[in-house]
Amino acid sequence: MKSDIEIAREAKMLPIGEIAKKLGLSEDDIEQYGRYKAKLSEDLLKKLSHNKNGKLILVTAINPTPAGEGKTTTTIGIGQAFAKLGKKAVIALREPSLGPCFGVKGGAAGGGMSQVVPMDELNLHFTGDFHAITSANNLCAAMLDNHIHQGNALRIDTRQIVIKRCLDLNDRALRNVVIGLGEKSDGFVREDHFTITVASEQRIWRISKKDLKG
């Protein structure tokens, strides 16, 4: 029996440009990431603003079966069914986290003969969005610790810091850590934490809303 990755690599994929054409999009409407992936351009929304709104089906709050069929499997099945009926259907899925790929849950591209392809690229950083989020989050954390190291003019209480560093990987050893150990130039010693990248955006958003309210 072939492995998931062997099945995925044998799949005959259409170039993303051809898929875009089936949706009525031109090459200027997409930003390609290789031959089989692309992002939609920012100008596309303006271009489609005069179009009649389509139907939105939200698939949520489904308990998966023991075999793993849940929200994602149901969503893809619905999309394929509409395509079979000749409808113009597009599925919107969140980019999967890298964390579960090496754990019990495994990747988020499906398995066997029912997969989203390219499977390996989908599971391993895809278009790089999570890498960008990780870098932005950790830049904020580094700036905060640098401010404290340089004298803490804002008198930040290091016991009340709620922003966490993040990684797109499940690593229990980094959930609770002590930073700043070593030389004086290595920073101020304090407890810190790492969260998985997919949880970082929501945390920063909550902090921002709270700060805006004063």
Protein backbone atom coordinates (compact mmCIF):
# COMPACT_ATOMS: atom_id res chain seq x y z
CA MET A 1 0.00 0.00 0.00
CA LYS A 2 1.34 3.40 -0.98
CA SER A 3 2.02 6.07 1.64
CA ASP A 4 0.16 9.38 1.71
CA ILE A 5 3.14 11.29 0.34
CA GLU A 6 3.58 8.78 -2.52
CA ILE A 7 -0.08 9.15 -3.49
CA ALA A 8 0.14 12.95 -3.27
CA ARG A 9 3.23 13.15 -5.46
CA GLU A 10 1.60 10.97 -8.14
CA ALA A 11 -1.46 13.24 -8.35
CA LYS A 12 -1.91 15.02 -11.67
CA MET A 13 -2.31 18.67 -10.70
CA LEU A 14 -3.53 21.46 -12.95
CA PRO A 15 -1.41 24.62 -13.11
CA ILE A 16 -2.92 27.27 -10.85
CA GLY A 17 -3.30 29.57 -13.86
CA GLU A 18 -5.74 27.12 -15.46
CA ILE A 19 -7.77 26.91 -12.26
CA ALA A 20 -7.86 30.71 -12.10
CA LYS A 21 -9.21 30.86 -15.67
CA LYS A 22 -12.05 28.50 -14.74
CA LEU A 23 -13.05 31.07 -12.11
CA GLY A 24 -12.90 33.91 -14.61
CA LEU A 25 -9.62 35.31 -13.29
CA SER A 26 -6.70 36.58 -15.34
CA GLU A 27 -2.97 36.27 -14.66
CA ASP A 28 -3.01 39.83 -13.30
CA ASP A 29 -5.53 38.77 -10.66
CA ILE A 30 -3.22 36.25 -9.00
CA GLU A 31 0.26 36.26 -7.47
CA GLN A 32 1.82 32.88 -8.20
CA TYR A 33 3.86 30.91 -5.68
CA GLY A 34 5.34 28.31 -7.99
CA ARG A 35 3.32 26.36 -10.54
CA TYR A 36 0.47 25.14 -8.35
CA LYS A 37 -0.13 27.84 -5.73
CA ALA A 38 -1.15 31.50 -5.88
CA LYS A 39 -2.59 34.34 -3.81
CA LEU A 40 -5.32 36.66 -5.04
CA SER A 41 -4.25 40.24 -5.73
CA GLU A 42 -5.52 43.10 -3.59
CA ASP A 43 -7.02 44.78 -6.65
CA LEU A 44 -9.30 41.81 -7.32
CA LEU A 45 -11.88 42.91 -4.74
CA LYS A 46 -12.28 46.27 -6.49
CA LYS A 47 -12.57 44.52 -9.84
CA LEU A 48 -15.35 42.25 -8.55
CA SER A 49 -17.16 44.89 -6.49
CA HIS A 50 -19.93 45.26 -9.11
CA ASN A 51 -20.62 41.52 -9.25
CA LYS A 52 -23.67 40.03 -7.61
CA ASN A 53 -22.92 38.42 -4.26
CA GLY A 54 -22.70 34.64 -4.24
CA LYS A 55 -23.82 32.21 -1.57
CA LEU A 56 -21.72 31.57 1.52
CA ILE A 57 -21.83 28.22 3.30
CA LEU A 58 -20.07 28.18 6.66
CA VAL A 59 -19.06 24.77 7.96
CA THR A 60 -18.35 24.86 11.68
CA ALA A 61 -18.79 23.08 15.02
CA ILE A 62 -18.61 19.54 13.69
CA ASN A 63 -17.27 16.79 15.92
CA PRO A 64 -14.96 14.61 13.82
CA THR A 65 -15.57 10.90 13.47
CA PRO A 66 -13.03 8.36 14.79
CA ALA A 67 -11.57 8.29 11.28
CA GLY A 68 -11.06 12.05 11.36
CA GLU A 69 -13.83 13.35 9.09
CA GLY A 70 -14.71 16.78 10.43
CA LYS A 71 -15.06 20.38 9.26
CA THR A 72 -12.32 20.28 6.63
CA THR A 73 -13.40 16.98 5.07
CA THR A 74 -17.03 18.12 4.97
CA THR A 75 -16.09 21.47 3.44
CA ILE A 76 -14.02 19.88 0.68
CA GLY A 77 -16.78 17.36 -0.03
CA ILE A 78 -19.35 20.13 -0.40
CA GLY A 79 -17.05 22.05 -2.74
CA GLN A 80 -16.46 19.01 -4.90
CA ALA A 81 -20.20 18.28 -5.02
CA PHE A 82 -21.00 21.80 -6.24
CA ALA A 83 -18.25 21.57 -8.87
CA LYS A 84 -19.74 18.26 -10.04
CA LEU A 85 -23.09 20.03 -10.42
CA GLY A 86 -21.48 22.66 -12.63
CA LYS A 87 -21.48 25.42 -10.04
CA LYS A 88 -18.60 27.86 -9.63
CA ALA A 89 -17.43 26.97 -6.12
CA VAL A 90 -14.39 28.06 -4.10
CA ILE A 91 -13.31 26.62 -0.76
CA ALA A 92 -11.67 28.83 1.86
CA LEU A 93 -9.51 26.98 4.41
CA ARG A 94 -7.10 28.45 6.94
CA GLU A 95 -3.44 27.68 6.30
CA PRO A 96 -2.65 24.69 8.55
CA SER A 97 -0.31 24.96 11.48
CA LEU A 98 3.01 23.17 11.17
CA GLY A 99 2.80 22.10 14.82
CA PRO A 100 0.47 19.07 14.54
CA CYS A 101 2.27 17.74 11.43
CA PHE A 102 4.91 15.99 13.55
CA GLY A 103 2.52 14.98 16.33
CA VAL A 104 -0.46 12.70 16.82
CA LYS A 105 -2.79 14.70 14.56
CA GLY A 106 -0.48 14.73 11.58
CA GLY A 107 -0.85 17.06 8.62
CA ALA A 108 -3.93 18.95 7.56
CA ALA A 109 -4.00 17.87 3.91
CA GLY A 110 -5.96 14.67 4.38
CA GLY A 111 -4.68 11.21 3.59
CA GLY A 112 -4.85 8.27 1.22
CA MET A 113 -6.82 9.00 -1.94
CA SER A 114 -8.56 11.99 -0.31
CA GLN A 115 -5.97 14.75 -0.04
CA VAL A 116 -5.43 18.41 -0.76
CA VAL A 117 -2.36 18.74 -2.99
CA PRO A 118 0.48 19.62 -3.09
CA MET A 119 0.39 17.88 0.29
CA ASP A 120 3.98 18.42 1.40
CA GLU A 121 3.97 22.12 0.50
CA LEU A 122 0.59 22.68 2.15
CA ASN A 123 1.81 21.18 5.43
CA LEU A 124 5.29 22.76 5.39
CA HIS A 125 4.87 26.55 5.38
CA PHE A 126 2.85 26.83 2.15
CA THR A 127 3.21 30.51 1.10
CA GLY A 128 5.21 31.59 4.17
CA ASP A 129 2.44 33.50 5.96
CA PHE A 130 3.00 31.76 9.29
CA HIS A 131 6.73 32.47 9.08
CA ALA A 132 5.90 36.16 8.64
CA ILE A 133 3.52 36.12 11.62
CA THR A 134 6.13 34.36 13.76
CA SER A 135 8.80 36.92 12.85
CA ALA A 136 6.49 39.90 13.51
CA ASN A 137 5.36 38.52 16.87
CA ASN A 138 8.90 37.78 18.04
CA LEU A 139 10.13 41.18 16.86
CA CYS A 140 7.59 42.80 19.19
CA ALA A 141 8.78 40.56 22.04
CA ALA A 142 12.44 41.36 21.34
CA MET A 143 11.73 45.11 21.26
CA LEU A 144 9.97 44.86 24.61
CA ASP A 145 12.86 43.02 26.25
CA ASN A 146 15.37 45.42 24.71
CA HIS A 147 13.48 48.36 26.20
CA ILE A 148 13.61 46.71 29.64
CA HIS A 149 17.33 45.96 29.18
CA GLN A 150 18.08 49.58 28.21
CA GLY A 151 16.65 50.94 31.46
CA ASN A 152 12.88 50.41 31.29
CA ALA A 153 11.92 54.08 30.97
CA LEU A 154 8.24 53.08 30.77
CA ARG A 155 8.54 51.19 34.08
CA ILE A 156 7.02 48.02 32.62
CA ASP A 157 6.20 45.45 35.30
CA THR A 158 7.98 42.30 34.06
CA ARG A 159 5.57 40.19 36.12
CA GLN A 160 2.60 41.49 34.12
CA ILE A 161 3.85 40.91 30.54
CA VAL A 162 1.21 38.89 28.67
CA ILE A 163 2.61 38.88 25.12
CA LYS A 164 4.33 35.57 24.40
CA ARG A 165 6.94 34.55 21.91
CA CYS A 166 5.79 31.99 19.35
CA LEU A 167 6.88 29.11 17.14
CA ASP A 168 5.01 27.24 14.43
CA LEU A 169 5.87 24.01 16.18
CA ASN A 170 4.62 22.05 19.18
CA ASP A 171 7.54 22.00 21.64
CA ARG A 172 6.41 21.50 25.23
CA ALA A 173 9.92 22.28 26.55
CA LEU A 174 9.51 25.91 25.45
CA ARG A 175 6.05 26.55 26.88
CA ASN A 176 7.54 28.01 30.07
CA VAL A 177 11.12 29.28 30.02
CA VAL A 178 13.50 31.71 31.75
CA ILE A 179 15.21 34.22 29.46
CA GLY A 180 18.10 36.64 29.95
CA LEU A 181 20.44 34.18 31.64
CA GLY A 182 24.18 34.55 31.14
CA GLU A 183 26.05 37.86 30.87
CA LYS A 184 24.61 41.28 31.74
CA SER A 185 24.50 42.04 28.02
CA ASP A 186 22.17 39.08 27.47
CA GLY A 187 19.19 40.94 28.89
CA PHE A 188 16.99 41.10 31.97
CA VAL A 189 16.23 37.78 33.62
CA ARG A 190 12.50 36.96 33.68
CA GLU A 191 10.04 34.18 33.03
CA ASP A 192 8.71 33.96 29.50
CA HIS A 193 6.55 31.65 27.42
CA PHE A 194 6.21 30.33 23.88
CA THR A 195 2.87 29.68 22.20
CA ILE A 196 2.17 28.15 18.81
CA THR A 197 2.01 30.71 15.99
CA VAL A 198 -1.66 30.16 15.17
CA ALA A 199 -2.53 31.33 18.70
CA SER A 200 -0.38 34.48 18.61
CA GLU A 201 -2.50 36.73 16.37
CA GLN A 202 -5.58 36.43 18.53
CA ARG A 203 -3.60 37.18 21.70
CA ILE A 204 -2.05 40.35 20.24
CA TRP A 205 -5.47 41.44 18.93
CA ARG A 206 -6.98 41.08 22.39
CA ILE A 207 -4.20 43.16 23.90
CA SER A 208 -4.59 45.84 21.22
CA LYS A 209 -8.36 46.13 21.79
CA LYS A 210 -7.86 46.37 25.53
CA ASP A 211 -5.23 49.09 25.14
CA LEU A 212 -7.42 51.06 22.72
CA LYS A 213 -10.23 51.07 25.26
CA GLY A 214 -7.82 52.48 27.81
